[in-house]
Amino acid sequence: MKLKNIKYFVQTTLFGGLLVIMPLIVSLLFLKWGFNFLLDVIEPITTIIIRTAKLNYLVSATISVLIILTFCFLIGLFVKTKLGIFSYKYFEDNFLKRIPFYKIIKETIIQLFGTKKSLFRGVALVDLFGSGNLVTAFITDIHDNGMYTVFVPSGPAPTAGFVYHIKAEYLTKIDYPLDQSMRTIISLGVGSNAILKKYSELRETNA
C-alpha cells in the first residue's frame, strides 16, 4: 500500500471515529453539567434532611428533588387561579421585569419548554449586500412597509448572530423545516444542498 493511501486511510478512519465519539462525549459532558447543577440546587434541602431525618445522601437527594417538583406543581396550580394570575402579574410587572435579561430568559425558556409558537416565521436566504452571496436567515418579523427583520445565526452556535432589517427584494423565503435549517448552522453548513435546491426551484418557478 502506498504511503499516500495509508495516510488517507488513517485520516478517514480517525475522522470516522471522531464522528462517533465526539457526540457521545458532548452528550456526557452536558449530562454531567446538568447533574452537577441539579445537585447544587438541591444541596441546601438535602443537607437539612440529612441532619434532621438522619437519612443517607441518596435518599435525601431524592426527597429534595420530589420536594422541588411538588413546589413547582403547586406554584403552577396557584397561577392558574384568578388570584394567582393577578399576584403573578403584579409581582412580575413590579419586580421581575426590573431584573436585567429577565424577559429574554423567560421567552427563551418558553420557546424551549412551553407551548408558545416559534419566534421564527420561516427560513430565508438573504442577499445582505446585493452581491449575490446568500446567507441562511430566520424571519422574525414582517413589517407593514414590506421589509423583513431576520436573524442570521453564526455556526456552530446558533444562539449567537446578527439581526438585520431587509428589503423584500433581497430576501427569498424558503419552504424548509426550521429544525433542519438549524442543523445546517450547527454543522457549519453541511446539508445546505437541500436549501439551495429549494431556492433554485423557487427561482425557476418565478422566472
N, C-alpha and C. Protein backbone atom coordinates (compact mmCIF):
# COMPACT_ATOMS: atom_id res chain seq x y z
N MET A 1 0.85 -1.21 0.00
CA MET A 1 0.00 0.00 0.00
C MET A 1 0.88 1.26 0.00
N LYS A 2 0.58 2.21 -0.87
CA LYS A 2 1.37 3.41 -0.97
C LYS A 2 1.19 4.28 0.27
N LEU A 3 2.24 5.11 0.50
CA LEU A 3 2.21 5.99 1.67
C LEU A 3 1.01 6.93 1.63
N LYS A 4 0.66 7.40 0.43
CA LYS A 4 -0.48 8.30 0.28
C LYS A 4 -1.78 7.61 0.65
N ASN A 5 -1.90 6.33 0.24
CA ASN A 5 -3.11 5.57 0.56
C ASN A 5 -3.21 5.30 2.06
N ILE A 6 -2.05 5.02 2.66
CA ILE A 6 -2.02 4.78 4.12
C ILE A 6 -2.44 6.04 4.87
N LYS A 7 -1.92 7.19 4.43
CA LYS A 7 -2.26 8.46 5.06
C LYS A 7 -3.75 8.74 4.94
N TYR A 8 -4.31 8.49 3.74
CA TYR A 8 -5.74 8.71 3.51
C TYR A 8 -6.57 7.77 4.38
N PHE A 9 -6.14 6.51 4.49
CA PHE A 9 -6.86 5.53 5.30
C PHE A 9 -6.88 5.94 6.77
N VAL A 10 -5.72 6.39 7.27
CA VAL A 10 -5.63 6.81 8.68
C VAL A 10 -6.51 8.03 8.93
N GLN A 11 -6.48 9.00 8.02
CA GLN A 11 -7.26 10.23 8.20
C GLN A 11 -8.76 9.94 8.20
N THR A 12 -9.22 9.17 7.22
CA THR A 12 -10.65 8.88 7.13
C THR A 12 -11.13 8.02 8.29
N THR A 13 -10.30 7.07 8.71
CA THR A 13 -10.66 6.22 9.84
C THR A 13 -10.73 7.01 11.14
N LEU A 14 -9.72 7.90 11.33
CA LEU A 14 -9.70 8.75 12.52
C LEU A 14 -10.90 9.68 12.54
N PHE A 15 -11.21 10.27 11.39
CA PHE A 15 -12.35 11.18 11.30
C PHE A 15 -13.66 10.44 11.58
N GLY A 16 -13.76 9.21 11.04
CA GLY A 16 -14.96 8.41 11.29
C GLY A 16 -15.12 8.09 12.76
N GLY A 17 -14.00 7.79 13.43
CA GLY A 17 -14.04 7.52 14.86
C GLY A 17 -14.46 8.74 15.66
N LEU A 18 -13.95 9.92 15.24
CA LEU A 18 -14.31 11.15 15.93
C LEU A 18 -15.80 11.46 15.77
N LEU A 19 -16.36 11.18 14.59
CA LEU A 19 -17.78 11.41 14.37
C LEU A 19 -18.64 10.56 15.30
N VAL A 20 -18.13 9.38 15.65
CA VAL A 20 -18.87 8.50 16.56
C VAL A 20 -18.69 8.93 18.01
N ILE A 21 -17.46 9.28 18.38
CA ILE A 21 -17.13 9.52 19.78
C ILE A 21 -17.50 10.93 20.24
N MET A 22 -17.27 11.95 19.39
CA MET A 22 -17.46 13.33 19.83
C MET A 22 -18.89 13.64 20.27
N PRO A 23 -19.93 13.23 19.50
CA PRO A 23 -21.30 13.48 20.00
C PRO A 23 -21.57 12.83 21.34
N LEU A 24 -20.98 11.63 21.55
CA LEU A 24 -21.16 10.94 22.83
C LEU A 24 -20.48 11.72 23.96
N ILE A 25 -19.27 12.22 23.69
CA ILE A 25 -18.55 12.98 24.71
C ILE A 25 -19.30 14.26 25.07
N VAL A 26 -19.78 14.97 24.03
CA VAL A 26 -20.52 16.21 24.27
C VAL A 26 -21.79 15.94 25.06
N SER A 27 -22.47 14.84 24.73
CA SER A 27 -23.71 14.48 25.44
C SER A 27 -23.42 14.17 26.90
N LEU A 28 -22.33 13.43 27.14
CA LEU A 28 -21.95 13.08 28.52
C LEU A 28 -21.57 14.32 29.32
N LEU A 29 -20.84 15.25 28.67
CA LEU A 29 -20.47 16.49 29.35
C LEU A 29 -21.70 17.31 29.71
N PHE A 30 -22.68 17.34 28.79
CA PHE A 30 -23.91 18.07 29.05
C PHE A 30 -24.68 17.44 30.20
N LEU A 31 -24.76 16.11 30.21
CA LEU A 31 -25.45 15.41 31.29
C LEU A 31 -24.73 15.64 32.62
N LYS A 32 -23.40 15.65 32.60
CA LYS A 32 -22.62 15.90 33.81
C LYS A 32 -22.89 17.29 34.35
N TRP A 33 -22.93 18.28 33.41
CA TRP A 33 -23.22 19.65 33.83
C TRP A 33 -24.62 19.74 34.43
N GLY A 34 -25.59 19.10 33.78
CA GLY A 34 -26.95 19.13 34.29
C GLY A 34 -27.07 18.47 35.65
N PHE A 35 -26.36 17.34 35.82
CA PHE A 35 -26.40 16.61 37.09
C PHE A 35 -25.78 17.44 38.20
N ASN A 36 -24.62 18.06 37.93
CA ASN A 36 -23.96 18.90 38.93
C ASN A 36 -24.80 20.12 39.28
N PHE A 37 -25.46 20.69 38.26
CA PHE A 37 -26.33 21.85 38.51
C PHE A 37 -27.49 21.45 39.42
N LEU A 38 -28.07 20.28 39.16
CA LEU A 38 -29.18 19.79 39.99
C LEU A 38 -28.73 19.56 41.42
N LEU A 39 -27.53 18.99 41.58
CA LEU A 39 -27.01 18.75 42.93
C LEU A 39 -26.80 20.06 43.68
N ASP A 40 -26.32 21.08 42.99
CA ASP A 40 -26.11 22.38 43.63
C ASP A 40 -27.44 23.00 44.08
N VAL A 41 -28.49 22.80 43.25
CA VAL A 41 -29.80 23.37 43.58
C VAL A 41 -30.40 22.71 44.80
N ILE A 42 -30.29 21.38 44.87
CA ILE A 42 -30.94 20.65 45.96
C ILE A 42 -30.07 20.52 47.20
N GLU A 43 -28.81 20.98 47.12
CA GLU A 43 -27.86 20.78 48.23
C GLU A 43 -28.38 21.32 49.57
N PRO A 44 -28.92 22.56 49.63
CA PRO A 44 -29.39 23.06 50.94
C PRO A 44 -30.49 22.18 51.54
N ILE A 45 -31.46 21.77 50.71
CA ILE A 45 -32.56 20.93 51.21
C ILE A 45 -32.03 19.55 51.63
N THR A 46 -31.13 19.01 50.82
CA THR A 46 -30.56 17.70 51.12
C THR A 46 -29.82 17.72 52.45
N THR A 47 -29.07 18.77 52.68
CA THR A 47 -28.30 18.89 53.93
C THR A 47 -29.23 18.93 55.15
N ILE A 48 -30.32 19.68 55.02
CA ILE A 48 -31.29 19.77 56.13
C ILE A 48 -31.91 18.41 56.42
N ILE A 49 -32.27 17.67 55.35
CA ILE A 49 -32.89 16.35 55.52
C ILE A 49 -31.92 15.37 56.18
N ILE A 50 -30.66 15.42 55.76
CA ILE A 50 -29.65 14.52 56.33
C ILE A 50 -29.48 14.79 57.83
N ARG A 51 -29.46 16.08 58.19
CA ARG A 51 -29.23 16.44 59.59
C ARG A 51 -30.45 16.16 60.47
N THR A 52 -31.63 16.36 59.92
CA THR A 52 -32.84 16.20 60.74
C THR A 52 -33.39 14.77 60.73
N ALA A 53 -33.43 14.16 59.54
CA ALA A 53 -34.02 12.82 59.43
C ALA A 53 -32.99 11.70 59.52
N LYS A 54 -31.70 12.07 59.51
CA LYS A 54 -30.61 11.08 59.61
C LYS A 54 -30.67 10.04 58.49
N LEU A 55 -31.04 10.49 57.28
CA LEU A 55 -31.08 9.59 56.13
C LEU A 55 -29.79 9.70 55.33
N ASN A 56 -29.53 8.68 54.49
CA ASN A 56 -28.31 8.74 53.68
C ASN A 56 -28.48 9.76 52.55
N TYR A 57 -27.37 10.06 51.88
CA TYR A 57 -27.37 11.16 50.89
C TYR A 57 -28.29 10.86 49.72
N LEU A 58 -28.30 9.64 49.19
CA LEU A 58 -29.11 9.32 48.02
C LEU A 58 -30.60 9.49 48.30
N VAL A 59 -31.05 8.97 49.44
CA VAL A 59 -32.46 9.10 49.80
C VAL A 59 -32.82 10.57 50.03
N SER A 60 -31.93 11.30 50.70
CA SER A 60 -32.17 12.72 50.98
C SER A 60 -32.24 13.53 49.69
N ALA A 61 -31.34 13.22 48.73
CA ALA A 61 -31.34 13.93 47.45
C ALA A 61 -32.62 13.65 46.66
N THR A 62 -33.07 12.41 46.70
CA THR A 62 -34.32 12.04 46.02
C THR A 62 -35.51 12.78 46.60
N ILE A 63 -35.55 12.85 47.92
CA ILE A 63 -36.63 13.58 48.60
C ILE A 63 -36.57 15.06 48.24
N SER A 64 -35.36 15.61 48.15
CA SER A 64 -35.18 17.02 47.79
C SER A 64 -35.75 17.31 46.41
N VAL A 65 -35.46 16.43 45.46
CA VAL A 65 -35.97 16.61 44.09
C VAL A 65 -37.50 16.55 44.10
N LEU A 66 -38.07 15.60 44.84
CA LEU A 66 -39.53 15.47 44.92
C LEU A 66 -40.15 16.71 45.56
N ILE A 67 -39.48 17.27 46.57
CA ILE A 67 -39.98 18.49 47.21
C ILE A 67 -40.02 19.65 46.22
N ILE A 68 -38.93 19.80 45.45
CA ILE A 68 -38.85 20.89 44.47
C ILE A 68 -39.91 20.72 43.38
N LEU A 69 -40.09 19.48 42.89
CA LEU A 69 -41.09 19.22 41.86
C LEU A 69 -42.50 19.48 42.39
N THR A 70 -42.75 19.09 43.63
CA THR A 70 -44.05 19.33 44.24
C THR A 70 -44.31 20.83 44.40
N PHE A 71 -43.27 21.56 44.81
CA PHE A 71 -43.38 23.01 44.97
C PHE A 71 -43.70 23.68 43.63
N CYS A 72 -43.00 23.25 42.57
CA CYS A 72 -43.27 23.79 41.23
C CYS A 72 -44.69 23.48 40.79
N PHE A 73 -45.15 22.28 41.09
CA PHE A 73 -46.51 21.87 40.73
C PHE A 73 -47.54 22.74 41.44
N LEU A 74 -47.31 22.99 42.72
CA LEU A 74 -48.24 23.80 43.50
C LEU A 74 -48.26 25.26 43.00
N ILE A 75 -47.07 25.77 42.65
CA ILE A 75 -46.99 27.12 42.09
C ILE A 75 -47.77 27.18 40.78
N GLY A 76 -47.60 26.12 39.96
CA GLY A 76 -48.33 26.04 38.69
C GLY A 76 -49.83 26.04 38.89
N LEU A 77 -50.29 25.30 39.90
CA LEU A 77 -51.72 25.28 40.21
C LEU A 77 -52.21 26.65 40.66
N PHE A 78 -51.39 27.32 41.47
CA PHE A 78 -51.79 28.62 42.02
C PHE A 78 -51.92 29.67 40.91
N VAL A 79 -50.97 29.70 39.96
CA VAL A 79 -51.02 30.73 38.92
C VAL A 79 -52.10 30.46 37.88
N LYS A 80 -52.80 29.33 38.00
CA LYS A 80 -53.95 29.06 37.13
C LYS A 80 -55.23 29.67 37.68
N THR A 81 -55.20 30.05 38.97
CA THR A 81 -56.37 30.67 39.59
C THR A 81 -56.37 32.17 39.31
N LYS A 82 -57.53 32.80 39.50
CA LYS A 82 -57.63 34.24 39.27
C LYS A 82 -56.71 35.01 40.21
N LEU A 83 -56.67 34.59 41.47
CA LEU A 83 -55.79 35.24 42.43
C LEU A 83 -54.32 35.05 42.04
N GLY A 84 -54.01 33.82 41.59
CA GLY A 84 -52.63 33.53 41.20
C GLY A 84 -52.20 34.33 39.99
N ILE A 85 -53.09 34.46 39.00
CA ILE A 85 -52.78 35.23 37.79
C ILE A 85 -52.53 36.70 38.15
N PHE A 86 -53.40 37.24 39.00
CA PHE A 86 -53.25 38.64 39.42
C PHE A 86 -51.95 38.83 40.21
N SER A 87 -51.69 37.93 41.16
CA SER A 87 -50.50 38.05 42.00
C SER A 87 -49.22 37.95 41.18
N TYR A 88 -49.20 36.98 40.26
CA TYR A 88 -48.01 36.78 39.44
C TYR A 88 -47.77 37.99 38.53
N LYS A 89 -48.84 38.49 37.92
CA LYS A 89 -48.70 39.65 37.02
C LYS A 89 -48.21 40.87 37.79
N TYR A 90 -48.74 41.07 38.98
CA TYR A 90 -48.32 42.21 39.80
C TYR A 90 -46.84 42.07 40.18
N PHE A 91 -46.46 40.88 40.62
CA PHE A 91 -45.08 40.63 41.04
C PHE A 91 -44.13 40.76 39.86
N GLU A 92 -44.55 40.25 38.69
CA GLU A 92 -43.68 40.31 37.51
C GLU A 92 -43.51 41.76 37.03
N ASP A 93 -44.63 42.49 36.96
CA ASP A 93 -44.56 43.86 36.45
C ASP A 93 -43.77 44.79 37.37
N ASN A 94 -43.86 44.57 38.66
CA ASN A 94 -43.23 45.49 39.61
C ASN A 94 -41.85 45.06 40.09
N PHE A 95 -41.51 43.79 39.92
CA PHE A 95 -40.22 43.33 40.43
C PHE A 95 -39.40 42.57 39.38
N LEU A 96 -39.98 41.50 38.84
CA LEU A 96 -39.21 40.61 37.96
C LEU A 96 -38.73 41.30 36.69
N LYS A 97 -39.58 42.13 36.08
CA LYS A 97 -39.21 42.78 34.82
C LYS A 97 -38.12 43.83 35.01
N ARG A 98 -37.82 44.18 36.24
CA ARG A 98 -36.73 45.12 36.51
C ARG A 98 -35.38 44.41 36.59
N ILE A 99 -35.42 43.09 36.63
CA ILE A 99 -34.18 42.33 36.67
C ILE A 99 -33.60 42.27 35.25
N PRO A 100 -32.32 42.60 35.07
CA PRO A 100 -31.72 42.58 33.73
C PRO A 100 -31.84 41.20 33.06
N PHE A 101 -32.23 41.19 31.80
CA PHE A 101 -32.32 39.99 30.96
C PHE A 101 -33.45 39.04 31.37
N TYR A 102 -34.30 39.46 32.33
CA TYR A 102 -35.39 38.56 32.76
C TYR A 102 -36.30 38.21 31.59
N LYS A 103 -36.70 39.22 30.81
CA LYS A 103 -37.65 38.99 29.72
C LYS A 103 -37.05 38.06 28.67
N ILE A 104 -35.78 38.25 28.35
CA ILE A 104 -35.12 37.40 27.35
C ILE A 104 -35.05 35.96 27.83
N ILE A 105 -34.67 35.78 29.10
CA ILE A 105 -34.55 34.43 29.67
C ILE A 105 -35.91 33.75 29.71
N LYS A 106 -36.94 34.50 30.08
CA LYS A 106 -38.29 33.95 30.15
C LYS A 106 -38.76 33.48 28.77
N GLU A 107 -38.58 34.32 27.76
CA GLU A 107 -39.01 33.97 26.41
C GLU A 107 -38.24 32.76 25.87
N THR A 108 -36.95 32.68 26.21
CA THR A 108 -36.15 31.54 25.78
C THR A 108 -36.65 30.24 26.40
N ILE A 109 -36.97 30.28 27.69
CA ILE A 109 -37.47 29.09 28.39
C ILE A 109 -38.82 28.67 27.82
N ILE A 110 -39.67 29.65 27.51
CA ILE A 110 -40.98 29.35 26.92
C ILE A 110 -40.80 28.68 25.56
N GLN A 111 -39.83 29.17 24.78
CA GLN A 111 -39.58 28.57 23.47
C GLN A 111 -39.08 27.14 23.60
N LEU A 112 -38.27 26.88 24.62
CA LEU A 112 -37.69 25.55 24.78
C LEU A 112 -38.67 24.55 25.38
N PHE A 113 -39.46 24.98 26.37
CA PHE A 113 -40.27 24.04 27.12
C PHE A 113 -41.77 24.32 27.07
N GLY A 114 -42.15 25.47 26.57
CA GLY A 114 -43.56 25.84 26.58
C GLY A 114 -44.27 25.44 25.31
N THR A 115 -45.47 25.96 25.17
CA THR A 115 -46.30 25.63 24.02
C THR A 115 -46.42 26.81 23.07
N LYS A 116 -45.70 27.89 23.39
CA LYS A 116 -45.74 29.07 22.54
C LYS A 116 -45.12 28.76 21.17
N LYS A 117 -45.71 29.34 20.12
CA LYS A 117 -45.19 29.10 18.79
C LYS A 117 -43.78 29.67 18.66
N SER A 118 -43.04 29.14 17.71
CA SER A 118 -41.67 29.57 17.50
C SER A 118 -41.59 31.06 17.18
N LEU A 119 -40.49 31.69 17.61
CA LEU A 119 -40.26 33.09 17.29
C LEU A 119 -40.04 33.28 15.80
N PHE A 120 -39.55 32.24 15.14
CA PHE A 120 -39.23 32.34 13.73
C PHE A 120 -40.47 32.10 12.86
N ARG A 121 -40.62 32.92 11.85
CA ARG A 121 -41.77 32.81 10.95
C ARG A 121 -41.42 32.08 9.66
N GLY A 122 -40.19 31.64 9.55
CA GLY A 122 -39.81 30.91 8.36
C GLY A 122 -38.32 31.01 8.10
N VAL A 123 -37.88 30.23 7.12
CA VAL A 123 -36.48 30.20 6.71
C VAL A 123 -36.34 31.02 5.45
N ALA A 124 -35.23 31.72 5.32
CA ALA A 124 -35.00 32.53 4.12
C ALA A 124 -33.53 32.53 3.76
N LEU A 125 -33.27 32.74 2.48
CA LEU A 125 -31.92 33.03 2.01
C LEU A 125 -31.88 34.52 1.69
N VAL A 126 -30.90 35.20 2.25
CA VAL A 126 -30.86 36.65 2.17
C VAL A 126 -29.57 37.11 1.49
N ASP A 127 -29.74 38.01 0.53
CA ASP A 127 -28.61 38.65 -0.13
C ASP A 127 -28.36 39.96 0.61
N LEU A 128 -27.51 39.90 1.65
CA LEU A 128 -27.36 41.02 2.57
C LEU A 128 -26.89 42.30 1.89
N PHE A 129 -25.92 42.19 1.02
CA PHE A 129 -25.30 43.39 0.47
C PHE A 129 -25.47 43.50 -1.05
N GLY A 130 -26.44 42.74 -1.60
CA GLY A 130 -26.71 42.83 -3.02
C GLY A 130 -25.60 42.30 -3.89
N SER A 131 -24.76 41.43 -3.35
CA SER A 131 -23.61 40.91 -4.10
C SER A 131 -23.89 39.56 -4.74
N GLY A 132 -25.06 38.96 -4.41
CA GLY A 132 -25.37 37.64 -4.92
C GLY A 132 -24.94 36.51 -3.99
N ASN A 133 -24.20 36.86 -2.93
CA ASN A 133 -23.82 35.87 -1.93
C ASN A 133 -24.93 35.77 -0.88
N LEU A 134 -25.40 34.54 -0.64
CA LEU A 134 -26.57 34.33 0.21
C LEU A 134 -26.18 33.82 1.59
N VAL A 135 -26.97 34.19 2.58
CA VAL A 135 -26.81 33.66 3.94
C VAL A 135 -28.14 33.07 4.39
N THR A 136 -28.06 32.03 5.20
CA THR A 136 -29.26 31.44 5.77
C THR A 136 -29.75 32.31 6.91
N ALA A 137 -31.02 32.64 6.89
CA ALA A 137 -31.59 33.52 7.91
C ALA A 137 -32.95 33.00 8.35
N PHE A 138 -33.38 33.45 9.53
CA PHE A 138 -34.69 33.10 10.06
C PHE A 138 -35.51 34.37 10.22
N ILE A 139 -36.68 34.36 9.61
CA ILE A 139 -37.54 35.54 9.63
C ILE A 139 -38.17 35.68 11.03
N THR A 140 -37.97 36.85 11.65
CA THR A 140 -38.52 37.08 12.98
C THR A 140 -39.68 38.07 12.98
N ASP A 141 -39.74 38.91 11.95
CA ASP A 141 -40.85 39.88 11.90
C ASP A 141 -41.06 40.35 10.46
N ILE A 142 -42.30 40.68 10.14
CA ILE A 142 -42.67 41.22 8.83
C ILE A 142 -43.36 42.56 9.06
N HIS A 143 -42.90 43.59 8.37
CA HIS A 143 -43.36 44.95 8.64
C HIS A 143 -44.33 45.45 7.57
N ASP A 144 -45.10 46.46 7.94
CA ASP A 144 -46.13 47.00 7.05
C ASP A 144 -45.53 47.62 5.79
N ASN A 145 -44.29 48.11 5.88
CA ASN A 145 -43.66 48.74 4.72
C ASN A 145 -43.01 47.73 3.77
N GLY A 146 -43.24 46.43 4.04
CA GLY A 146 -42.71 45.40 3.16
C GLY A 146 -41.34 44.89 3.52
N MET A 147 -40.75 45.45 4.55
CA MET A 147 -39.43 44.99 4.98
C MET A 147 -39.56 43.80 5.93
N TYR A 148 -38.46 43.08 6.06
CA TYR A 148 -38.40 41.93 6.95
C TYR A 148 -37.29 42.15 7.98
N THR A 149 -37.53 41.62 9.17
CA THR A 149 -36.46 41.53 10.16
C THR A 149 -36.06 40.07 10.26
N VAL A 150 -34.76 39.82 10.13
CA VAL A 150 -34.27 38.45 10.13
C VAL A 150 -33.14 38.30 11.14
N PHE A 151 -33.00 37.08 11.60
CA PHE A 151 -31.88 36.72 12.48
C PHE A 151 -30.95 35.81 11.70
N VAL A 152 -29.70 36.20 11.60
CA VAL A 152 -28.69 35.40 10.90
C VAL A 152 -27.78 34.77 11.96
N PRO A 153 -27.95 33.48 12.24
CA PRO A 153 -27.14 32.84 13.28
C PRO A 153 -25.73 32.56 12.80
N SER A 154 -24.82 32.43 13.74
CA SER A 154 -23.43 32.10 13.41
C SER A 154 -23.15 30.68 13.86
N GLY A 155 -22.62 29.86 12.96
CA GLY A 155 -22.31 28.48 13.30
C GLY A 155 -21.00 28.37 14.06
N PRO A 156 -20.83 27.35 14.90
CA PRO A 156 -21.83 26.30 15.16
C PRO A 156 -22.76 26.62 16.32
N ALA A 157 -22.70 27.86 16.83
CA ALA A 157 -23.56 28.25 17.97
C ALA A 157 -24.70 29.12 17.45
N PRO A 158 -25.86 28.54 17.15
CA PRO A 158 -26.95 29.29 16.52
C PRO A 158 -27.63 30.31 17.41
N THR A 159 -27.30 30.32 18.71
CA THR A 159 -27.91 31.31 19.60
C THR A 159 -27.24 32.67 19.47
N ALA A 160 -26.06 32.70 18.82
CA ALA A 160 -25.37 33.96 18.57
C ALA A 160 -25.53 34.32 17.10
N GLY A 161 -25.53 35.61 16.82
CA GLY A 161 -25.69 36.02 15.44
C GLY A 161 -26.03 37.49 15.34
N PHE A 162 -26.66 37.87 14.22
CA PHE A 162 -26.95 39.28 13.97
C PHE A 162 -28.39 39.44 13.50
N VAL A 163 -28.96 40.61 13.81
CA VAL A 163 -30.31 40.95 13.39
C VAL A 163 -30.21 41.98 12.27
N TYR A 164 -30.91 41.72 11.16
CA TYR A 164 -30.90 42.63 10.03
C TYR A 164 -32.33 42.99 9.65
N HIS A 165 -32.49 44.20 9.12
CA HIS A 165 -33.78 44.65 8.60
C HIS A 165 -33.62 44.74 7.08
N ILE A 166 -34.30 43.85 6.38
CA ILE A 166 -34.02 43.62 4.96
C ILE A 166 -35.21 44.02 4.09
N LYS A 167 -34.90 44.64 2.94
CA LYS A 167 -35.94 44.89 1.95
C LYS A 167 -36.37 43.57 1.32
N ALA A 168 -37.63 43.50 0.92
CA ALA A 168 -38.20 42.25 0.42
C ALA A 168 -37.45 41.71 -0.79
N GLU A 169 -36.93 42.60 -1.65
CA GLU A 169 -36.27 42.13 -2.87
C GLU A 169 -34.95 41.42 -2.61
N TYR A 170 -34.41 41.58 -1.40
CA TYR A 170 -33.15 40.90 -1.06
C TYR A 170 -33.38 39.62 -0.27
N LEU A 171 -34.63 39.25 -0.11
CA LEU A 171 -34.96 38.07 0.70
C LEU A 171 -35.81 37.09 -0.10
N THR A 172 -35.44 35.82 0.00
CA THR A 172 -36.23 34.75 -0.63
C THR A 172 -36.63 33.75 0.44
N LYS A 173 -37.94 33.68 0.72
CA LYS A 173 -38.43 32.75 1.73
C LYS A 173 -38.43 31.34 1.17
N ILE A 174 -37.89 30.41 1.97
CA ILE A 174 -37.75 29.02 1.54
C ILE A 174 -38.70 28.14 2.34
N ASP A 175 -39.42 27.28 1.65
CA ASP A 175 -40.31 26.32 2.32
C ASP A 175 -39.46 25.14 2.80
N TYR A 176 -38.87 25.32 3.98
CA TYR A 176 -37.95 24.31 4.50
C TYR A 176 -38.08 24.29 6.03
N PRO A 177 -38.06 23.09 6.65
CA PRO A 177 -38.27 22.99 8.10
C PRO A 177 -37.24 23.78 8.90
N LEU A 178 -37.70 24.43 9.97
CA LEU A 178 -36.82 25.22 10.81
C LEU A 178 -35.73 24.37 11.47
N ASP A 179 -36.13 23.19 11.98
CA ASP A 179 -35.16 22.37 12.69
C ASP A 179 -34.05 21.87 11.78
N GLN A 180 -34.40 21.51 10.55
CA GLN A 180 -33.39 21.04 9.61
C GLN A 180 -32.47 22.18 9.17
N SER A 181 -33.03 23.37 9.05
CA SER A 181 -32.22 24.53 8.72
C SER A 181 -31.24 24.83 9.84
N MET A 182 -31.72 24.68 11.09
CA MET A 182 -30.85 24.93 12.23
C MET A 182 -29.71 23.92 12.29
N ARG A 183 -29.97 22.70 11.84
CA ARG A 183 -28.91 21.68 11.82
C ARG A 183 -27.78 22.08 10.88
N THR A 184 -28.12 22.72 9.77
CA THR A 184 -27.06 23.16 8.85
C THR A 184 -26.19 24.24 9.47
N ILE A 185 -26.77 25.04 10.36
CA ILE A 185 -25.99 26.06 11.05
C ILE A 185 -25.04 25.40 12.05
N ILE A 186 -25.57 24.46 12.82
CA ILE A 186 -24.76 23.77 13.83
C ILE A 186 -23.64 22.97 13.18
N SER A 187 -23.91 22.40 12.01
CA SER A 187 -22.91 21.57 11.32
C SER A 187 -22.06 22.38 10.35
N LEU A 188 -22.03 23.70 10.52
CA LEU A 188 -21.19 24.59 9.71
C LEU A 188 -21.51 24.51 8.23
N GLY A 189 -22.77 24.37 7.90
CA GLY A 189 -23.20 24.40 6.51
C GLY A 189 -23.41 23.05 5.86
N VAL A 190 -23.00 21.99 6.54
CA VAL A 190 -23.19 20.64 5.98
C VAL A 190 -24.69 20.36 5.84
N GLY A 191 -25.11 19.92 4.68
CA GLY A 191 -26.53 19.64 4.45
C GLY A 191 -27.29 20.80 3.84
N SER A 192 -26.57 21.86 3.44
CA SER A 192 -27.24 23.03 2.87
C SER A 192 -27.71 22.81 1.44
N ASN A 193 -27.32 21.71 0.83
CA ASN A 193 -27.70 21.44 -0.56
C ASN A 193 -29.21 21.46 -0.74
N ALA A 194 -29.93 20.91 0.24
CA ALA A 194 -31.40 20.86 0.14
C ALA A 194 -32.00 22.27 0.14
N ILE A 195 -31.43 23.17 0.94
CA ILE A 195 -31.92 24.55 0.99
C ILE A 195 -31.67 25.25 -0.34
N LEU A 196 -30.47 25.07 -0.87
CA LEU A 196 -30.12 25.71 -2.14
C LEU A 196 -30.95 25.14 -3.30
N LYS A 197 -31.28 23.85 -3.19
CA LYS A 197 -32.13 23.23 -4.21
C LYS A 197 -33.52 23.85 -4.18
N LYS A 198 -34.05 24.05 -2.97
CA LYS A 198 -35.36 24.71 -2.83
C LYS A 198 -35.31 26.12 -3.42
N TYR A 199 -34.20 26.80 -3.16
CA TYR A 199 -34.02 28.17 -3.66
C TYR A 199 -34.02 28.19 -5.19
N SER A 200 -33.28 27.25 -5.80
CA SER A 200 -33.21 27.18 -7.27
C SER A 200 -34.56 26.86 -7.88
N GLU A 201 -35.28 25.92 -7.25
CA GLU A 201 -36.62 25.56 -7.75
C GLU A 201 -37.57 26.75 -7.68
N LEU A 202 -37.47 27.51 -6.60
CA LEU A 202 -38.34 28.67 -6.43
C LEU A 202 -38.02 29.75 -7.47
N ARG A 203 -36.75 29.94 -7.74
CA ARG A 203 -36.33 30.94 -8.73
C ARG A 203 -36.79 30.55 -10.13
N GLU A 204 -36.72 29.24 -10.44
CA GLU A 204 -37.16 28.76 -11.74
C GLU A 204 -38.66 28.92 -11.91
N THR A 205 -39.40 28.68 -10.81
CA THR A 205 -40.86 28.81 -10.86
C THR A 205 -41.29 30.26 -11.08
N ASN A 206 -40.56 31.19 -10.43
CA ASN A 206 -40.92 32.61 -10.51
C ASN A 206 -40.32 33.30 -11.73
N ALA A 207 -39.46 32.57 -12.46
CA ALA A 207 -38.79 33.19 -13.62
C ALA A 207 -39.79 33.44 -14.76
